[in-house]
Amino acid sequence: QPPGKEREGVASIWPAAGETTYASSVKGRFTVSQDS
């Protein structure tokens, strides 16, 4: 949530399979992951 703006999605992950999705604004720059 940037200052003065609404909350927005960045990235998601399904822990069971490690499948991820990203917002277009961060794709290629951010990486979501989990420990083993």
ModelCIF file with pLDDT and N, C-alpha, C, O atoms, coordinates in Angstrom:
data_MODEL
#
_entry.id   MODEL 
#
_entity.id                         1 
_entity.type                       polymer 
_entity.pdbx_number_of_molecules   1 
#
_entity_poly.entity_id                      1 
_entity_poly.type                           'polypeptide(L)' 
_entity_poly.nstd_linkage                   no 
_entity_poly.nstd_monomer                   no 
_entity_poly.pdbx_seq_one_letter_code       QPPGKEREGVASIWPAAGETTYASSVKGRFTVSQDS 
_entity_poly.pdbx_seq_one_letter_code_can   QPPGKEREGVASIWPAAGETTYASSVKGRFTVSQDS 
_entity_poly.pdbx_strand_id                 A 
#
loop_
_entity_poly_seq.entity_id 
_entity_poly_seq.num 
_entity_poly_seq.mon_id 
_entity_poly_seq.hetero 
1 1  GLN n 
1 2  PRO n 
1 3  PRO n 
1 4  GLY n 
1 5  LYS n 
1 6  GLU n 
1 7  ARG n 
1 8  GLU n 
1 9  GLY n 
1 10 VAL n 
1 11 ALA n 
1 12 SER n 
1 13 ILE n 
1 14 TRP n 
1 15 PRO n 
1 16 ALA n 
1 17 ALA n 
1 18 GLY n 
1 19 GLU n 
1 20 THR n 
1 21 THR n 
1 22 TYR n 
1 23 ALA n 
1 24 SER n 
1 25 SER n 
1 26 VAL n 
1 27 LYS n 
1 28 GLY n 
1 29 ARG n 
1 30 PHE n 
1 31 THR n 
1 32 VAL n 
1 33 SER n 
1 34 GLN n 
1 35 ASP n 
1 36 SER n 
#
_struct_asym.id          A 
_struct_asym.entity_id   1 
#
loop_
_ma_qa_metric.id 
_ma_qa_metric.mode 
_ma_qa_metric.name 
_ma_qa_metric.software_group_id 
_ma_qa_metric.type 
1 global pLDDT . pLDDT 
2 local  pLDDT . pLDDT 
#
_ma_qa_metric_global.metric_id      1 
_ma_qa_metric_global.metric_value   96.25 
_ma_qa_metric_global.model_id       1 
_ma_qa_metric_global.ordinal_id     1 
#
loop_
_ma_qa_metric_local.label_asym_id 
_ma_qa_metric_local.label_comp_id 
_ma_qa_metric_local.label_seq_id 
_ma_qa_metric_local.metric_id 
_ma_qa_metric_local.metric_value 
_ma_qa_metric_local.model_id 
_ma_qa_metric_local.ordinal_id 
A GLN 1  2 98.00 1 1  
A PRO 2  2 97.00 1 2  
A PRO 3  2 92.00 1 3  
A GLY 4  2 95.00 1 4  
A LYS 5  2 97.00 1 5  
A GLU 6  2 98.00 1 6  
A ARG 7  2 98.00 1 7  
A GLU 8  2 98.00 1 8  
A GLY 9  2 98.00 1 9  
A VAL 10 2 98.00 1 10 
A ALA 11 2 98.00 1 11 
A SER 12 2 98.00 1 12 
A ILE 13 2 97.00 1 13 
A TRP 14 2 95.00 1 14 
A PRO 15 2 92.00 1 15 
A ALA 16 2 92.00 1 16 
A ALA 17 2 92.00 1 17 
A GLY 18 2 93.00 1 18 
A GLU 19 2 95.00 1 19 
A THR 20 2 97.00 1 20 
A THR 21 2 98.00 1 21 
A TYR 22 2 98.00 1 22 
A ALA 23 2 98.00 1 23 
A SER 24 2 97.00 1 24 
A SER 25 2 97.00 1 25 
A VAL 26 2 98.00 1 26 
A LYS 27 2 97.00 1 27 
A GLY 28 2 97.00 1 28 
A ARG 29 2 98.00 1 29 
A PHE 30 2 98.00 1 30 
A THR 31 2 98.00 1 31 
A VAL 32 2 98.00 1 32 
A SER 33 2 97.00 1 33 
A GLN 34 2 96.00 1 34 
A ASP 35 2 93.00 1 35 
A SER 36 2 89.00 1 36 
#
loop_
_atom_site.group_PDB 
_atom_site.id 
_atom_site.type_symbol 
_atom_site.label_atom_id 
_atom_site.label_alt_id 
_atom_site.label_comp_id 
_atom_site.label_asym_id 
_atom_site.label_entity_id 
_atom_site.label_seq_id 
_atom_site.pdbx_PDB_ins_code 
_atom_site.Cartn_x 
_atom_site.Cartn_y 
_atom_site.Cartn_z 
_atom_site.occupancy 
_atom_site.B_iso_or_equiv 
_atom_site.pdbx_formal_charge 
_atom_site.auth_seq_id 
_atom_site.auth_comp_id 
_atom_site.auth_asym_id 
_atom_site.auth_atom_id 
_atom_site.pdbx_PDB_model_num 
ATOM 1   N N  . GLN A 1 1  ? 0.848  -1.183  0.000   1.00 98.00 ? 1  GLN A N  1 
ATOM 2   C CA . GLN A 1 1  ? 0.000  0.000   0.000   1.00 98.00 ? 1  GLN A CA 1 
ATOM 3   C C  . GLN A 1 1  ? 0.889  1.239   0.000   1.00 98.00 ? 1  GLN A C  1 
ATOM 4   O O  . GLN A 1 1  ? 1.442  1.605   1.037   1.00 98.00 ? 1  GLN A O  1 
ATOM 5   N N  . PRO A 1 2  ? 1.030  1.893   -1.166  1.00 97.00 ? 2  PRO A N  1 
ATOM 6   C CA . PRO A 1 2  ? 1.809  3.131   -1.230  1.00 97.00 ? 2  PRO A CA 1 
ATOM 7   C C  . PRO A 1 2  ? 1.113  4.251   -0.473  1.00 97.00 ? 2  PRO A C  1 
ATOM 8   O O  . PRO A 1 2  ? -0.087 4.163   -0.211  1.00 97.00 ? 2  PRO A O  1 
ATOM 9   N N  . PRO A 1 3  ? 1.841  5.300   -0.117  1.00 92.00 ? 3  PRO A N  1 
ATOM 10  C CA . PRO A 1 3  ? 1.220  6.424   0.594   1.00 92.00 ? 3  PRO A CA 1 
ATOM 11  C C  . PRO A 1 3  ? 0.069  7.018   -0.210  1.00 92.00 ? 3  PRO A C  1 
ATOM 12  O O  . PRO A 1 3  ? 0.228  7.342   -1.387  1.00 92.00 ? 3  PRO A O  1 
ATOM 13  N N  . GLY A 1 4  ? -1.084 7.161   0.426   1.00 95.00 ? 4  GLY A N  1 
ATOM 14  C CA . GLY A 1 4  ? -2.227 7.781   -0.212  1.00 95.00 ? 4  GLY A CA 1 
ATOM 15  C C  . GLY A 1 4  ? -2.933 6.951   -1.262  1.00 95.00 ? 4  GLY A C  1 
ATOM 16  O O  . GLY A 1 4  ? -3.813 7.463   -1.954  1.00 95.00 ? 4  GLY A O  1 
ATOM 17  N N  . LYS A 1 5  ? -2.573 5.678   -1.401  1.00 97.00 ? 5  LYS A N  1 
ATOM 18  C CA . LYS A 1 5  ? -3.177 4.828   -2.414  1.00 97.00 ? 5  LYS A CA 1 
ATOM 19  C C  . LYS A 1 5  ? -3.772 3.569   -1.807  1.00 97.00 ? 5  LYS A C  1 
ATOM 20  O O  . LYS A 1 5  ? -3.543 3.261   -0.637  1.00 97.00 ? 5  LYS A O  1 
ATOM 21  N N  . GLU A 1 6  ? -4.541 2.842   -2.618  1.00 98.00 ? 6  GLU A N  1 
ATOM 22  C CA . GLU A 1 6  ? -5.173 1.614   -2.162  1.00 98.00 ? 6  GLU A CA 1 
ATOM 23  C C  . GLU A 1 6  ? -4.179 0.460   -2.166  1.00 98.00 ? 6  GLU A C  1 
ATOM 24  O O  . GLU A 1 6  ? -3.170 0.487   -2.871  1.00 98.00 ? 6  GLU A O  1 
ATOM 25  N N  . ARG A 1 7  ? -4.485 -0.547  -1.367  1.00 98.00 ? 7  ARG A N  1 
ATOM 26  C CA . ARG A 1 7  ? -3.656 -1.737  -1.315  1.00 98.00 ? 7  ARG A CA 1 
ATOM 27  C C  . ARG A 1 7  ? -3.714 -2.476  -2.645  1.00 98.00 ? 7  ARG A C  1 
ATOM 28  O O  . ARG A 1 7  ? -4.779 -2.596  -3.251  1.00 98.00 ? 7  ARG A O  1 
ATOM 29  N N  . GLU A 1 8  ? -2.560 -2.973  -3.099  1.00 98.00 ? 8  GLU A N  1 
ATOM 30  C CA . GLU A 1 8  ? -2.485 -3.663  -4.369  1.00 98.00 ? 8  GLU A CA 1 
ATOM 31  C C  . GLU A 1 8  ? -1.678 -4.952  -4.243  1.00 98.00 ? 8  GLU A C  1 
ATOM 32  O O  . GLU A 1 8  ? -0.782 -5.065  -3.406  1.00 98.00 ? 8  GLU A O  1 
ATOM 33  N N  . GLY A 1 9  ? -2.018 -5.915  -5.091  1.00 98.00 ? 9  GLY A N  1 
ATOM 34  C CA . GLY A 1 9  ? -1.330 -7.190  -5.081  1.00 98.00 ? 9  GLY A CA 1 
ATOM 35  C C  . GLY A 1 9  ? 0.056  -7.098  -5.688  1.00 98.00 ? 9  GLY A C  1 
ATOM 36  O O  . GLY A 1 9  ? 0.286  -6.329  -6.622  1.00 98.00 ? 9  GLY A O  1 
ATOM 37  N N  . VAL A 1 10 ? 0.977  -7.885  -5.154  1.00 98.00 ? 10 VAL A N  1 
ATOM 38  C CA . VAL A 1 10 ? 2.353  -7.932  -5.638  1.00 98.00 ? 10 VAL A CA 1 
ATOM 39  C C  . VAL A 1 10 ? 2.677  -9.307  -6.208  1.00 98.00 ? 10 VAL A C  1 
ATOM 40  O O  . VAL A 1 10 ? 3.101  -9.419  -7.358  1.00 98.00 ? 10 VAL A O  1 
ATOM 41  N N  . ALA A 1 11 ? 2.478  -10.355 -5.406  1.00 98.00 ? 11 ALA A N  1 
ATOM 42  C CA . ALA A 1 11 ? 2.816  -11.705 -5.826  1.00 98.00 ? 11 ALA A CA 1 
ATOM 43  C C  . ALA A 1 11 ? 2.071  -12.706 -4.963  1.00 98.00 ? 11 ALA A C  1 
ATOM 44  O O  . ALA A 1 11 ? 1.701  -12.404 -3.829  1.00 98.00 ? 11 ALA A O  1 
ATOM 45  N N  . SER A 1 12 ? 1.851  -13.897 -5.501  1.00 98.00 ? 12 SER A N  1 
ATOM 46  C CA . SER A 1 12 ? 1.215  -14.972 -4.751  1.00 98.00 ? 12 SER A CA 1 
ATOM 47  C C  . SER A 1 12 ? 1.970  -16.267 -4.960  1.00 98.00 ? 12 SER A C  1 
ATOM 48  O O  . SER A 1 12 ? 2.743  -16.406 -5.908  1.00 98.00 ? 12 SER A O  1 
ATOM 49  N N  . ILE A 1 13 ? 1.737  -17.219 -4.062  1.00 97.00 ? 13 ILE A N  1 
ATOM 50  C CA . ILE A 1 13 ? 2.332  -18.536 -4.177  1.00 97.00 ? 13 ILE A CA 1 
ATOM 51  C C  . ILE A 1 13 ? 1.399  -19.577 -3.582  1.00 97.00 ? 13 ILE A C  1 
ATOM 52  O O  . ILE A 1 13 ? 0.761  -19.339 -2.556  1.00 97.00 ? 13 ILE A O  1 
ATOM 53  N N  . TRP A 1 14 ? 1.322  -20.729 -4.231  1.00 95.00 ? 14 TRP A N  1 
ATOM 54  C CA . TRP A 1 14 ? 0.623  -21.876 -3.685  1.00 95.00 ? 14 TRP A CA 1 
ATOM 55  C C  . TRP A 1 14 ? 1.688  -22.777 -3.070  1.00 95.00 ? 14 TRP A C  1 
ATOM 56  O O  . TRP A 1 14 ? 2.444  -23.409 -3.808  1.00 95.00 ? 14 TRP A O  1 
ATOM 57  N N  . PRO A 1 15 ? 1.773  -22.855 -1.751  1.00 92.00 ? 15 PRO A N  1 
ATOM 58  C CA . PRO A 1 15 ? 2.869  -23.590 -1.107  1.00 92.00 ? 15 PRO A CA 1 
ATOM 59  C C  . PRO A 1 15 ? 2.974  -25.050 -1.515  1.00 92.00 ? 15 PRO A C  1 
ATOM 60  O O  . PRO A 1 15 ? 4.079  -25.589 -1.576  1.00 92.00 ? 15 PRO A O  1 
ATOM 61  N N  . ALA A 1 16 ? 1.856  -25.704 -1.795  1.00 92.00 ? 16 ALA A N  1 
ATOM 62  C CA . ALA A 1 16 ? 1.878  -27.124 -2.111  1.00 92.00 ? 16 ALA A CA 1 
ATOM 63  C C  . ALA A 1 16 ? 2.680  -27.437 -3.366  1.00 92.00 ? 16 ALA A C  1 
ATOM 64  O O  . ALA A 1 16 ? 3.296  -28.499 -3.461  1.00 92.00 ? 16 ALA A O  1 
ATOM 65  N N  . ALA A 1 17 ? 2.677  -26.529 -4.320  1.00 92.00 ? 17 ALA A N  1 
ATOM 66  C CA . ALA A 1 17 ? 3.336  -26.778 -5.595  1.00 92.00 ? 17 ALA A CA 1 
ATOM 67  C C  . ALA A 1 17 ? 4.381  -25.737 -5.957  1.00 92.00 ? 17 ALA A C  1 
ATOM 68  O O  . ALA A 1 17 ? 5.138  -25.934 -6.907  1.00 92.00 ? 17 ALA A O  1 
ATOM 69  N N  . GLY A 1 18 ? 4.440  -24.639 -5.223  1.00 93.00 ? 18 GLY A N  1 
ATOM 70  C CA . GLY A 1 18 ? 5.379  -23.589 -5.542  1.00 93.00 ? 18 GLY A CA 1 
ATOM 71  C C  . GLY A 1 18 ? 4.973  -22.732 -6.726  1.00 93.00 ? 18 GLY A C  1 
ATOM 72  O O  . GLY A 1 18 ? 5.790  -21.969 -7.241  1.00 93.00 ? 18 GLY A O  1 
ATOM 73  N N  . GLU A 1 19 ? 3.730  -22.840 -7.167  1.00 95.00 ? 19 GLU A N  1 
ATOM 74  C CA . GLU A 1 19 ? 3.257  -22.026 -8.281  1.00 95.00 ? 19 GLU A CA 1 
ATOM 75  C C  . GLU A 1 19 ? 3.118  -20.571 -7.855  1.00 95.00 ? 19 GLU A C  1 
ATOM 76  O O  . GLU A 1 19 ? 2.611  -20.286 -6.770  1.00 95.00 ? 19 GLU A O  1 
ATOM 77  N N  . THR A 1 20 ? 3.563  -19.659 -8.696  1.00 97.00 ? 20 THR A N  1 
ATOM 78  C CA . THR A 1 20 ? 3.576  -18.241 -8.362  1.00 97.00 ? 20 THR A CA 1 
ATOM 79  C C  . THR A 1 20 ? 2.903  -17.398 -9.427  1.00 97.00 ? 20 THR A C  1 
ATOM 80  O O  . THR A 1 20 ? 2.823  -17.792 -10.590 1.00 97.00 ? 20 THR A O  1 
ATOM 81  N N  . THR A 1 21 ? 2.420  -16.234 -9.016  1.00 98.00 ? 21 THR A N  1 
ATOM 82  C CA . THR A 1 21 ? 1.912  -15.219 -9.926  1.00 98.00 ? 21 THR A CA 1 
ATOM 83  C C  . THR A 1 21 ? 2.457  -13.870 -9.483  1.00 98.00 ? 21 THR A C  1 
ATOM 84  O O  . THR A 1 21 ? 2.799  -13.681 -8.316  1.00 98.00 ? 21 THR A O  1 
ATOM 85  N N  . TYR A 1 22 ? 2.536  -12.922 -10.437 1.00 98.00 ? 22 TYR A N  1 
ATOM 86  C CA . TYR A 1 22 ? 3.090  -11.609 -10.156 1.00 98.00 ? 22 TYR A CA 1 
ATOM 87  C C  . TYR A 1 22 ? 2.264  -10.520 -10.810 1.00 98.00 ? 22 TYR A C  1 
ATOM 88  O O  . TYR A 1 22 ? 1.691  -10.709 -11.883 1.00 98.00 ? 22 TYR A O  1 
ATOM 89  N N  . ALA A 1 23 ? 2.213  -9.382  -10.147 1.00 98.00 ? 23 ALA A N  1 
ATOM 90  C CA . ALA A 1 23 ? 1.662  -8.200  -10.775 1.00 98.00 ? 23 ALA A CA 1 
ATOM 91  C C  . ALA A 1 23 ? 2.606  -7.741  -11.877 1.00 98.00 ? 23 ALA A C  1 
ATOM 92  O O  . ALA A 1 23 ? 3.821  -7.906  -11.774 1.00 98.00 ? 23 ALA A O  1 
ATOM 93  N N  . SER A 1 24 ? 2.044  -7.170  -12.921 1.00 97.00 ? 24 SER A N  1 
ATOM 94  C CA . SER A 1 24 ? 2.868  -6.747  -14.052 1.00 97.00 ? 24 SER A CA 1 
ATOM 95  C C  . SER A 1 24 ? 3.908  -5.704  -13.655 1.00 97.00 ? 24 SER A C  1 
ATOM 96  O O  . SER A 1 24 ? 4.974  -5.629  -14.266 1.00 97.00 ? 24 SER A O  1 
ATOM 97  N N  . SER A 1 25 ? 3.611  -4.908  -12.649 1.00 97.00 ? 25 SER A N  1 
ATOM 98  C CA . SER A 1 25 ? 4.511  -3.847  -12.229 1.00 97.00 ? 25 SER A CA 1 
ATOM 99  C C  . SER A 1 25 ? 5.798  -4.352  -11.582 1.00 97.00 ? 25 SER A C  1 
ATOM 100 O O  . SER A 1 25 ? 6.781  -3.615  -11.503 1.00 97.00 ? 25 SER A O  1 
ATOM 101 N N  . VAL A 1 26 ? 5.798  -5.600  -11.121 1.00 98.00 ? 26 VAL A N  1 
ATOM 102 C CA . VAL A 1 26 ? 6.980  -6.136  -10.440 1.00 98.00 ? 26 VAL A CA 1 
ATOM 103 C C  . VAL A 1 26 ? 7.560  -7.357  -11.128 1.00 98.00 ? 26 VAL A C  1 
ATOM 104 O O  . VAL A 1 26 ? 8.640  -7.815  -10.753 1.00 98.00 ? 26 VAL A O  1 
ATOM 105 N N  . LYS A 1 27 ? 6.878  -7.890  -12.114 1.00 97.00 ? 27 LYS A N  1 
ATOM 106 C CA . LYS A 1 27 ? 7.345  -9.096  -12.793 1.00 97.00 ? 27 LYS A CA 1 
ATOM 107 C C  . LYS A 1 27 ? 8.728  -8.855  -13.397 1.00 97.00 ? 27 LYS A C  1 
ATOM 108 O O  . LYS A 1 27 ? 8.956  -7.860  -14.086 1.00 97.00 ? 27 LYS A O  1 
ATOM 109 N N  . GLY A 1 28 ? 9.631  -9.771  -13.128 1.00 97.00 ? 28 GLY A N  1 
ATOM 110 C CA . GLY A 1 28 ? 10.999 -9.642  -13.594 1.00 97.00 ? 28 GLY A CA 1 
ATOM 111 C C  . GLY A 1 28 ? 11.918 -8.964  -12.603 1.00 97.00 ? 28 GLY A C  1 
ATOM 112 O O  . GLY A 1 28 ? 13.138 -9.064  -12.726 1.00 97.00 ? 28 GLY A O  1 
ATOM 113 N N  . ARG A 1 29 ? 11.353 -8.270  -11.617 1.00 98.00 ? 29 ARG A N  1 
ATOM 114 C CA . ARG A 1 29 ? 12.154 -7.595  -10.596 1.00 98.00 ? 29 ARG A CA 1 
ATOM 115 C C  . ARG A 1 29 ? 12.009 -8.245  -9.221  1.00 98.00 ? 29 ARG A C  1 
ATOM 116 O O  . ARG A 1 29 ? 12.969 -8.298  -8.452  1.00 98.00 ? 29 ARG A O  1 
ATOM 117 N N  . PHE A 1 30 ? 10.813 -8.739  -8.914  1.00 98.00 ? 30 PHE A N  1 
ATOM 118 C CA . PHE A 1 30 ? 10.533 -9.355  -7.616  1.00 98.00 ? 30 PHE A CA 1 
ATOM 119 C C  . PHE A 1 30 ? 10.371 -10.859 -7.769  1.00 98.00 ? 30 PHE A C  1 
ATOM 120 O O  . PHE A 1 30 ? 9.941  -11.345 -8.815  1.00 98.00 ? 30 PHE A O  1 
ATOM 121 N N  . THR A 1 31 ? 10.719 -11.588 -6.716  1.00 98.00 ? 31 THR A N  1 
ATOM 122 C CA . THR A 1 31 ? 10.556 -13.033 -6.696  1.00 98.00 ? 31 THR A CA 1 
ATOM 123 C C  . THR A 1 31 ? 9.978  -13.466 -5.356  1.00 98.00 ? 31 THR A C  1 
ATOM 124 O O  . THR A 1 31 ? 10.515 -13.122 -4.303  1.00 98.00 ? 31 THR A O  1 
ATOM 125 N N  . VAL A 1 32 ? 8.884  -14.219 -5.395  1.00 98.00 ? 32 VAL A N  1 
ATOM 126 C CA . VAL A 1 32 ? 8.290  -14.758 -4.177  1.00 98.00 ? 32 VAL A CA 1 
ATOM 127 C C  . VAL A 1 32 ? 8.710  -16.219 -4.037  1.00 98.00 ? 32 VAL A C  1 
ATOM 128 O O  . VAL A 1 32 ? 8.761  -16.951 -5.026  1.00 98.00 ? 32 VAL A O  1 
ATOM 129 N N  . SER A 1 33 ? 9.008  -16.639 -2.821  1.00 97.00 ? 33 SER A N  1 
ATOM 130 C CA . SER A 1 33 ? 9.452  -18.004 -2.593  1.00 97.00 ? 33 SER A CA 1 
ATOM 131 C C  . SER A 1 33 ? 9.175  -18.397 -1.155  1.00 97.00 ? 33 SER A C  1 
ATOM 132 O O  . SER A 1 33 ? 8.737  -17.578 -0.347  1.00 97.00 ? 33 SER A O  1 
ATOM 133 N N  . GLN A 1 34 ? 9.435  -19.671 -0.841  1.00 96.00 ? 34 GLN A N  1 
ATOM 134 C CA . GLN A 1 34 ? 9.289  -20.200 0.505   1.00 96.00 ? 34 GLN A CA 1 
ATOM 135 C C  . GLN A 1 34 ? 10.481 -21.059 0.860   1.00 96.00 ? 34 GLN A C  1 
ATOM 136 O O  . GLN A 1 34 ? 11.147 -21.605 -0.020  1.00 96.00 ? 34 GLN A O  1 
ATOM 137 N N  . ASP A 1 35 ? 10.753 -21.179 2.149   1.00 93.00 ? 35 ASP A N  1 
ATOM 138 C CA . ASP A 1 35 ? 11.758 -22.121 2.602   1.00 93.00 ? 35 ASP A CA 1 
ATOM 139 C C  . ASP A 1 35 ? 11.205 -23.535 2.469   1.00 93.00 ? 35 ASP A C  1 
ATOM 140 O O  . ASP A 1 35 ? 10.001 -23.725 2.300   1.00 93.00 ? 35 ASP A O  1 
ATOM 141 N N  . SER A 1 36 ? 12.084 -24.515 2.544   1.00 89.00 ? 36 SER A N  1 
ATOM 142 C CA . SER A 1 36 ? 11.661 -25.900 2.332   1.00 89.00 ? 36 SER A CA 1 
ATOM 143 C C  . SER A 1 36 ? 10.668 -26.384 3.374   1.00 89.00 ? 36 SER A C  1 
ATOM 144 O O  . SER A 1 36 ? 10.226 -27.532 3.319   1.00 89.00 ? 36 SER A O  1 
#
